[in-house]
């Protein structure tokens, strides 16, 4: 019998990751996400009847947002997940349900079914799902993220999920595994792009923050709830910023969860101290009082597609003393990207001009081109299947890699296609 991989989502796109591994009429499902912009798009439907188990790489909705659809069916395979990822996934799914209103084909019952089928594991685990042998390793992306190594028959597969070879303030970089790999299923979010040195970026951000505060302005840092908000808190603490630092929105709920799991962090003491120093916004009155004097506000959503940050941005943009500093990936056609590129904000009342200073600092939780190349060089797989990538960039990167690694086959995944190992 042959081992096959079917791409249900994430082929030539960033979002809705979903991969099936087939052998002997049985399968494993790796992630089942969603694309959630102006429209909601789920992956292709898996063959649940033959699914032995579902493994989740990390909690972000583009990897988990479709799970309630799987667990709305009669057949409900076990869900293999670590405890931190389960708690974060639960939080994000309920928020997804809330903000999507009536556009989803599942309800709270389905989210509870997801939890009920969870098999809780450690970040680094080894286990069997019938004839599939699984090992998990730290992926370095966000707290709780892991890469999944699968041995079936005589074939070895490594699925990176989203991964980062560089360590952050919160977690160590992706582990290098000591296993032969026949197929590497690798994300390519930053194909053909290299990040600026992280410590230089951090120093630049701190200088710009201090400059704004010293001139009497307020700084809004729209930030992802999981990982980035907490990392920025740690950075501000390390640099001894002596102005009020406010934490708002879902970042508060995430922080409460993260602080329960010290074993997932490279410096839990720093994380704890940074959160103790921050002022947690708990009411509308507190929110209204954040901008009377110079201050820093950290709040989701990172791309300004909603969240408490939308309250602040409407006020921040009116004063040229203020600043909005973006610190993560910005998708096309998001309010954040439009503010950065056009210095305008679309509101129900019309288009508002942004008078505040605006800048972007590419602090990333994904590997860049150098990181991906370094990882491939170390793992030395026979084949690489690229997912979670933008079409033009991954085509360019494929050509570069084929010139560099003559003995490795590089494939750009397409949704609906099967690939034989």
Protein backbone atom coordinates (compact mmCIF):
# COMPACT_ATOMS: atom_id res chain seq x y z
CA UNK A 1 0.00 0.00 0.00
CA UNK A 2 1.19 3.53 -0.81
CA UNK A 3 1.39 6.47 1.60
CA UNK A 4 -0.37 9.51 0.13
CA UNK A 5 -0.90 13.11 1.16
CA UNK A 6 -4.03 15.02 0.15
CA UNK A 7 -4.12 18.81 0.45
CA UNK A 8 -7.57 20.00 1.56
CA UNK A 9 -6.56 23.60 2.26
CA UNK A 10 -3.51 25.86 2.39
CA UNK A 11 -2.42 25.19 -1.19
CA UNK A 12 -1.30 28.40 -2.92
CA UNK A 13 -2.94 30.45 -0.17
CA UNK A 14 -2.33 31.61 3.38
CA UNK A 15 -5.20 30.22 5.42
CA UNK A 16 -7.45 27.21 6.00
CA UNK A 17 -4.66 24.67 6.43
CA UNK A 18 -5.83 21.05 6.22
CA UNK A 19 -3.79 17.98 5.26
CA UNK A 20 -4.80 14.30 5.08
CA UNK A 21 -2.23 11.51 5.35
CA UNK A 22 -3.52 8.25 3.81
CA UNK A 23 -2.36 4.68 4.23
CA UNK A 24 -4.27 1.41 3.83
CA UNK A 25 -7.69 3.14 3.65
CA UNK A 26 -7.02 4.96 6.93
CA UNK A 27 -6.07 8.60 7.40
CA UNK A 28 -4.84 11.27 9.77
CA UNK A 29 -6.09 14.84 9.51
CA UNK A 30 -3.54 17.58 10.28
CA UNK A 31 -5.31 20.85 11.12
CA UNK A 32 -8.62 22.08 9.75
CA UNK A 33 -8.69 25.86 9.51
CA UNK A 34 -10.58 28.73 7.94
CA UNK A 35 -10.05 31.85 5.87
CA UNK A 36 -11.94 34.64 7.58
CA UNK A 37 -11.93 38.04 5.87
CA UNK A 38 -14.97 39.53 4.15
CA UNK A 39 -16.01 35.97 3.40
CA UNK A 40 -15.64 32.69 5.30
CA UNK A 41 -14.00 29.80 3.49
CA UNK A 42 -13.33 26.31 4.86
CA UNK A 43 -11.10 23.54 3.45
CA UNK A 44 -12.34 20.68 1.31
CA UNK A 45 -14.32 18.05 3.22
CA UNK A 46 -12.18 15.21 4.64
CA UNK A 47 -13.11 11.55 4.56
CA UNK A 48 -14.18 11.36 8.20
CA UNK A 49 -15.26 7.73 7.89
CA UNK A 50 -11.61 6.71 7.48
CA UNK A 51 -10.08 9.29 9.84
CA UNK A 52 -8.18 7.70 12.73
CA UNK A 53 -7.48 11.00 14.44
CA UNK A 54 -7.05 14.76 14.08
CA UNK A 55 -3.82 16.49 15.15
CA UNK A 56 -3.75 20.26 15.70
CA UNK A 57 -0.45 22.09 15.18
CA UNK A 58 -1.46 25.27 17.04
CA UNK A 59 -4.45 27.38 18.00
CA UNK A 60 -4.68 30.04 15.26
CA UNK A 61 -8.00 29.98 13.41
CA UNK A 62 -6.42 29.38 10.01
CA UNK A 63 -5.48 25.98 11.47
CA UNK A 64 -8.44 25.32 13.80
CA UNK A 65 -11.44 27.38 12.66
CA UNK A 66 -13.09 24.48 10.83
CA UNK A 67 -12.78 21.91 13.62
CA UNK A 68 -16.40 22.36 14.81
CA UNK A 69 -17.56 21.29 11.34
CA UNK A 70 -15.65 18.02 11.76
CA UNK A 71 -17.19 17.43 15.17
CA UNK A 72 -20.71 18.30 14.01
CA UNK A 73 -20.79 15.01 12.11
CA UNK A 74 -21.90 11.67 13.53
CA UNK A 75 -18.37 10.28 13.42
CA UNK A 76 -16.07 12.14 15.79
CA UNK A 77 -12.41 11.07 15.66
CA UNK A 78 -10.13 11.72 18.65
CA UNK A 79 -8.41 15.12 18.68
CA UNK A 80 -4.72 15.05 19.63
CA UNK A 81 -3.69 18.37 21.12
CA UNK A 82 -1.69 19.82 24.01
CA UNK A 83 -3.49 21.43 26.92
CA UNK A 84 -2.39 25.00 26.20
CA UNK A 85 -3.42 24.78 22.54
CA UNK A 86 -6.81 23.35 23.53
CA UNK A 87 -7.58 26.24 25.89
CA UNK A 88 -6.50 28.83 23.33
CA UNK A 89 -8.42 27.10 20.54
CA UNK A 90 -11.56 27.05 22.65
CA UNK A 91 -11.24 30.79 23.31
CA UNK A 92 -10.71 31.60 19.63
CA UNK A 93 -13.54 29.37 18.40
CA UNK A 94 -16.07 30.98 20.72
CA UNK A 95 -14.90 34.43 19.61
CA UNK A 96 -15.11 33.32 15.95
CA UNK A 97 -18.68 32.16 16.54
CA UNK A 98 -19.58 35.44 18.23
CA UNK A 99 -18.21 37.81 15.59
CA UNK A 100 -19.43 35.69 12.65
CA UNK A 101 -23.03 35.95 13.90
CA UNK A 102 -25.23 33.72 11.71
CA UNK A 103 -22.71 33.00 8.96
CA UNK A 104 -21.36 29.72 10.41
CA UNK A 105 -22.71 26.21 10.01
CA UNK A 106 -21.98 25.25 13.61
CA UNK A 107 -22.90 26.38 17.12
CA UNK A 108 -21.64 26.18 20.71
CA UNK A 109 -22.56 22.49 20.89
CA UNK A 110 -20.04 21.70 18.13
CA UNK A 111 -17.30 23.64 19.94
CA UNK A 112 -18.01 21.64 23.09
CA UNK A 113 -17.76 18.44 21.01
CA UNK A 114 -14.28 19.52 19.91
CA UNK A 115 -13.22 19.73 23.57
CA UNK A 116 -14.92 16.48 24.50
CA UNK A 117 -12.85 14.51 21.98
CA UNK A 118 -9.50 15.97 23.05
CA UNK A 119 -6.65 13.64 23.94
CA UNK A 120 -4.32 15.89 25.95
CA UNK A 121 -0.58 15.60 25.36
CA UNK A 122 2.64 17.33 26.37
CA UNK A 123 4.37 19.73 23.96
CA UNK A 124 6.94 17.01 23.27
CA UNK A 125 5.13 13.69 22.94
CA UNK A 126 5.42 10.25 21.32
CA UNK A 127 2.34 8.13 20.67
CA UNK A 128 0.62 5.74 18.27
CA UNK A 129 -2.65 6.23 16.42
CA UNK A 130 -3.11 2.64 15.32
CA UNK A 131 -0.46 2.09 12.60
CA UNK A 132 0.67 5.75 12.61
CA UNK A 133 3.61 6.54 14.92
CA UNK A 134 3.70 10.22 15.95
CA UNK A 135 6.26 12.50 17.60
CA UNK A 136 5.73 16.20 18.30
CA UNK A 137 8.35 18.94 18.61
CA UNK A 138 8.33 22.64 19.51
CA UNK A 139 7.61 24.68 16.34
CA UNK A 140 8.71 28.05 17.76
CA UNK A 141 5.68 29.85 16.28
CA UNK A 142 3.45 30.69 19.27
CA UNK A 143 3.16 29.16 22.75
CA UNK A 144 1.89 25.59 22.37
CA UNK A 145 2.74 25.26 18.67
CA UNK A 146 4.31 22.00 17.56
CA UNK A 147 5.61 20.26 14.47
CA UNK A 148 4.31 16.76 13.80
CA UNK A 149 6.54 13.85 12.75
CA UNK A 150 4.69 10.82 11.35
CA UNK A 151 6.10 7.39 10.60
CA UNK A 152 3.87 5.07 8.57
CA UNK A 153 5.04 1.88 6.91
CA UNK A 154 8.60 2.77 5.86
CA UNK A 155 7.93 6.47 5.24
CA UNK A 156 8.62 9.50 7.42
CA UNK A 157 6.70 12.78 7.14
CA UNK A 158 7.37 16.04 8.99
CA UNK A 159 4.61 18.67 9.06
CA UNK A 160 5.89 22.05 10.24
CA UNK A 161 2.51 23.72 10.77
CA UNK A 162 3.58 27.34 11.21
CA UNK A 163 7.15 27.40 12.46
CA UNK A 164 9.91 29.82 13.39
CA UNK A 165 13.57 28.85 13.66
CA UNK A 166 14.38 32.02 15.62
CA UNK A 167 13.67 32.33 19.33
CA UNK A 168 11.45 35.12 20.65
CA UNK A 169 11.01 36.76 24.03
CA UNK A 170 8.50 34.02 24.85
CA UNK A 171 9.64 30.72 23.36
CA UNK A 172 12.62 28.96 21.84
CA UNK A 173 12.97 28.52 18.09
CA UNK A 174 11.83 25.39 16.26
CA UNK A 175 13.55 22.17 17.27
CA UNK A 176 15.81 20.39 14.83
CA UNK A 177 14.77 16.75 14.74
CA UNK A 178 17.16 13.85 14.39
CA UNK A 179 15.09 11.75 11.99
CA UNK A 180 15.26 10.86 8.31
CA UNK A 181 12.48 12.70 6.47
CA UNK A 182 11.00 11.50 3.18
CA UNK A 183 8.50 14.34 2.92
CA UNK A 184 8.67 17.74 4.58
CA UNK A 185 5.31 19.56 4.49
CA UNK A 186 6.56 23.09 5.01
CA UNK A 187 4.92 26.48 5.38
CA UNK A 188 6.18 29.24 3.07
CA UNK A 189 4.54 32.38 4.45
CA UNK A 190 7.71 34.42 4.01
CA UNK A 191 9.12 32.74 0.90
CA UNK A 192 11.65 35.08 -0.77
CA UNK A 193 11.49 37.51 2.16
CA UNK A 194 14.11 37.92 4.89
CA UNK A 195 13.34 39.59 8.20
CA UNK A 196 15.35 42.49 9.56
CA UNK A 197 17.46 41.45 12.55
CA UNK A 198 15.02 41.09 15.44
CA UNK A 199 17.09 42.93 18.06
CA UNK A 200 17.54 45.90 15.69
CA UNK A 201 13.79 45.97 15.04
CA UNK A 202 13.09 45.91 18.77
CA UNK A 203 15.51 48.79 19.45
CA UNK A 204 13.98 50.83 16.63
CA UNK A 205 10.47 50.21 17.98
CA UNK A 206 11.48 51.24 21.51
CA UNK A 207 13.13 54.43 20.23
CA UNK A 208 10.01 55.38 18.27
CA UNK A 209 7.78 54.65 21.28
CA UNK A 210 9.92 56.77 23.62
CA UNK A 211 10.04 59.61 21.10
CA UNK A 212 6.23 59.66 20.84
CA UNK A 213 5.68 59.47 24.59
CA UNK A 214 8.28 62.13 25.39
CA UNK A 215 6.51 64.47 22.94
CA UNK A 216 3.21 64.01 24.78
CA UNK A 217 1.57 61.47 22.48
CA UNK A 218 -0.11 58.10 22.96
CA UNK A 219 1.04 54.91 21.25
CA UNK A 220 -1.39 52.26 20.03
CA UNK A 221 0.12 48.85 19.24
CA UNK A 222 -2.55 46.73 17.55
CA UNK A 223 -1.35 43.22 18.22
CA UNK A 224 -2.31 39.58 17.86
CA UNK A 225 -3.94 38.18 20.99
CA UNK A 226 -1.74 35.10 21.21
CA UNK A 227 1.98 35.60 21.60
CA UNK A 228 2.60 39.00 20.05
CA UNK A 229 0.77 41.06 22.69
CA UNK A 230 2.63 39.23 25.46
CA UNK A 231 5.96 39.50 23.63
CA UNK A 232 5.57 43.28 23.29
CA UNK A 233 4.76 43.49 27.01
CA UNK A 234 7.99 41.62 27.79
CA UNK A 235 9.98 43.89 25.46
CA UNK A 236 8.64 47.04 27.11
CA UNK A 237 9.42 45.62 30.55
CA UNK A 238 12.99 44.72 29.57
CA UNK A 239 13.62 48.24 28.29
CA UNK A 240 12.19 49.79 31.46
CA UNK A 241 9.57 51.97 29.77
CA UNK A 242 8.43 54.40 32.46
CA UNK A 243 4.96 55.25 31.14
CA UNK A 244 1.61 53.51 31.72
CA UNK A 245 1.25 50.34 29.63
CA UNK A 246 -2.33 49.18 29.10
CA UNK A 247 -3.43 45.70 28.03
CA UNK A 248 -6.91 45.39 26.53
CA UNK A 249 -9.18 43.14 24.49
CA UNK A 250 -8.78 39.41 24.05
CA UNK A 251 -5.07 39.71 24.89
CA UNK A 252 -6.16 39.79 28.55
CA UNK A 253 -8.00 36.46 28.29
CA UNK A 254 -5.07 34.92 26.43
CA UNK A 255 -2.60 36.16 29.03
CA UNK A 256 -4.64 34.60 31.82
CA UNK A 257 -4.38 31.26 30.01
CA UNK A 258 -0.67 31.56 29.19
CA UNK A 259 0.26 32.38 32.77
CA UNK A 260 -1.16 28.98 33.83
CA UNK A 261 1.49 27.11 31.79
CA UNK A 262 5.01 28.13 32.88
CA UNK A 263 6.59 25.04 31.28
CA UNK A 264 5.87 26.37 27.77
CA UNK A 265 8.04 29.51 28.11
CA UNK A 266 11.76 30.15 27.92
CA UNK A 267 11.59 32.87 30.62
CA UNK A 268 8.38 32.60 32.61
CA UNK A 269 9.72 35.01 35.24
CA UNK A 270 9.97 37.78 32.62
CA UNK A 271 6.46 37.01 31.36
CA UNK A 272 5.03 37.20 34.88
CA UNK A 273 6.80 40.46 35.80
CA UNK A 274 5.77 42.14 32.53
CA UNK A 275 2.13 41.27 33.17
CA UNK A 276 2.28 42.51 36.75
CA UNK A 277 3.54 45.88 35.56
CA UNK A 278 0.86 46.26 32.89
CA UNK A 279 -2.51 47.86 33.63
CA UNK A 280 -5.31 45.50 32.59
CA UNK A 281 -8.35 47.34 31.22
CA UNK A 282 -11.46 45.86 32.82
CA UNK A 283 -14.21 48.40 32.09
CA UNK A 284 -15.40 51.07 29.66
CA UNK A 285 -14.57 53.78 32.22
CA UNK A 286 -10.98 52.55 32.42
CA UNK A 287 -10.79 52.44 28.63
CA UNK A 288 -11.91 56.06 28.36
CA UNK A 289 -9.17 57.17 30.77
CA UNK A 290 -6.21 55.56 29.00
CA UNK A 291 -5.31 58.52 26.78
CA UNK A 292 -5.42 61.47 29.18
CA UNK A 293 -1.63 61.34 29.55
CA UNK A 294 1.09 59.72 27.39
CA UNK A 295 0.66 55.95 27.44
CA UNK A 296 1.07 52.73 25.48
CA UNK A 297 -1.98 50.64 24.61
CA UNK A 298 -1.56 47.03 23.47
CA UNK A 299 -4.75 45.56 22.08
CA UNK A 300 -6.05 43.17 19.41
CA UNK A 301 -6.92 42.92 16.66
CA UNK A 302 -3.48 43.08 15.06
CA UNK A 303 -4.94 43.86 11.63
CA UNK A 304 -7.73 46.06 13.03
CA UNK A 305 -10.47 43.75 11.79
CA UNK A 306 -12.26 44.26 15.11
CA UNK A 307 -11.45 44.01 18.78
CA UNK A 308 -10.86 46.68 21.40
CA UNK A 309 -8.15 48.29 19.25
CA UNK A 310 -10.94 49.75 17.08
CA UNK A 311 -12.09 51.88 20.03
CA UNK A 312 -8.62 53.38 20.40
CA UNK A 313 -7.73 53.80 16.74
CA UNK A 314 -10.66 56.16 16.12
CA UNK A 315 -9.24 58.51 18.75
CA UNK A 316 -5.52 57.99 18.13
CA UNK A 317 -5.70 58.93 14.43
CA UNK A 318 -6.90 62.49 15.15
CA UNK A 319 -3.69 63.79 16.75
CA UNK A 320 -0.34 64.04 14.97
CA UNK A 321 1.45 63.60 18.31
CA UNK A 322 0.09 60.05 18.55
CA UNK A 323 1.41 56.95 16.83
CA UNK A 324 0.12 53.60 15.60
CA UNK A 325 2.83 50.95 15.40
CA UNK A 326 1.97 47.65 13.74
CA UNK A 327 4.08 44.70 14.87
CA UNK A 328 3.01 41.71 12.79
CA UNK A 329 1.83 40.30 9.50
CA UNK A 330 -0.73 42.50 7.72
CA UNK A 331 -2.94 40.82 5.12
CA UNK A 332 -4.05 42.65 2.01
CA UNK A 333 -7.36 44.52 2.17
CA UNK A 334 -7.35 44.78 5.97
CA UNK A 335 -7.95 48.11 7.77
CA UNK A 336 -4.39 47.97 9.15
CA UNK A 337 -2.85 47.61 5.69
CA UNK A 338 -4.95 50.53 4.39
CA UNK A 339 -3.85 52.74 7.29
CA UNK A 340 -0.21 51.83 6.65
CA UNK A 341 -0.32 52.35 2.88
CA UNK A 342 -2.88 55.17 2.49
CA UNK A 343 -3.08 56.79 5.95
CA UNK A 344 -6.87 56.52 5.81
CA UNK A 345 -9.40 54.63 7.91
CA UNK A 346 -12.79 53.56 6.56
CA UNK A 347 -15.53 54.14 9.14
CA UNK A 348 -19.34 53.90 8.87
CA UNK A 349 -19.36 57.72 8.91
CA UNK A 350 -16.92 57.92 5.99
CA UNK A 351 -13.20 57.88 5.26
CA UNK A 352 -11.08 59.45 8.01
CA UNK A 353 -7.61 60.88 7.40
CA UNK A 354 -4.97 59.46 9.77
CA UNK A 355 -2.98 62.32 11.30
CA UNK A 356 -1.06 60.13 13.75
CA UNK A 357 2.33 58.72 12.84
CA UNK A 358 2.08 55.21 11.38
CA UNK A 359 4.80 52.59 10.99
CA UNK A 360 5.26 48.84 10.67
CA UNK A 361 7.84 46.71 12.47
CA UNK A 362 8.14 43.25 10.95
CA UNK A 363 8.39 41.25 14.16
CA UNK A 364 7.40 37.81 12.96
CA UNK A 365 6.56 34.41 14.39
CA UNK A 366 7.21 32.72 11.02
CA UNK A 367 10.54 31.63 9.54
CA UNK A 368 11.86 33.88 6.78
CA UNK A 369 13.59 32.70 3.60
CA UNK A 370 16.95 32.18 5.33
CA UNK A 371 15.22 30.27 8.14
CA UNK A 372 13.36 27.99 5.73
CA UNK A 373 16.53 27.29 3.72
CA UNK A 374 18.50 26.58 6.90
CA UNK A 375 15.80 24.21 8.14
CA UNK A 376 15.65 22.31 4.82
CA UNK A 377 19.44 22.09 4.75
CA UNK A 378 19.51 20.55 8.24
CA UNK A 379 16.55 18.18 7.79
CA UNK A 380 17.68 17.14 4.28
CA UNK A 381 14.31 15.72 3.14
CA UNK A 382 13.82 13.79 -0.09
CA UNK A 383 10.79 15.92 -1.00
CA UNK A 384 9.37 19.25 0.18
CA UNK A 385 5.68 20.10 -0.22
CA UNK A 386 5.04 23.83 0.27
CA UNK A 387 1.77 25.04 1.79
CA UNK A 388 0.57 28.25 3.50
CA UNK A 389 2.18 30.53 0.92
CA UNK A 390 1.49 33.29 -1.59
CA UNK A 391 1.67 31.99 -5.20
CA UNK A 392 4.14 34.41 -6.77
CA UNK A 393 6.68 34.29 -3.95
CA UNK A 394 6.66 30.50 -3.58
CA UNK A 395 7.19 30.02 -7.33
CA UNK A 396 10.30 32.23 -7.12
CA UNK A 397 11.53 30.40 -4.02
CA UNK A 398 11.02 26.99 -5.64
CA UNK A 399 13.39 27.98 -8.47
CA UNK A 400 15.98 29.19 -5.98
CA UNK A 401 15.77 25.99 -3.92
CA UNK A 402 15.98 23.71 -6.97
CA UNK A 403 19.28 25.35 -7.87
CA UNK A 404 20.60 25.00 -4.32
CA UNK A 405 19.35 21.49 -3.44
CA UNK A 406 19.85 19.33 -6.53
CA UNK A 407 18.81 16.05 -4.87
CA UNK A 408 15.56 17.33 -3.32
CA UNK A 409 12.23 17.51 -5.13
CA UNK A 410 10.21 20.68 -4.43
CA UNK A 411 6.44 20.73 -4.93
CA UNK A 412 3.98 23.59 -4.54
CA UNK A 413 0.80 22.16 -3.03
CA UNK A 414 -2.55 22.66 -4.73
CA UNK A 415 -5.88 22.15 -3.01
CA UNK A 416 -7.59 18.90 -3.93
CA UNK A 417 -4.40 17.25 -5.19
CA UNK A 418 -2.95 13.98 -3.87
CA UNK A 419 0.79 13.44 -3.60
CA UNK A 420 2.49 10.08 -3.33
CA UNK A 421 5.52 9.77 -1.08
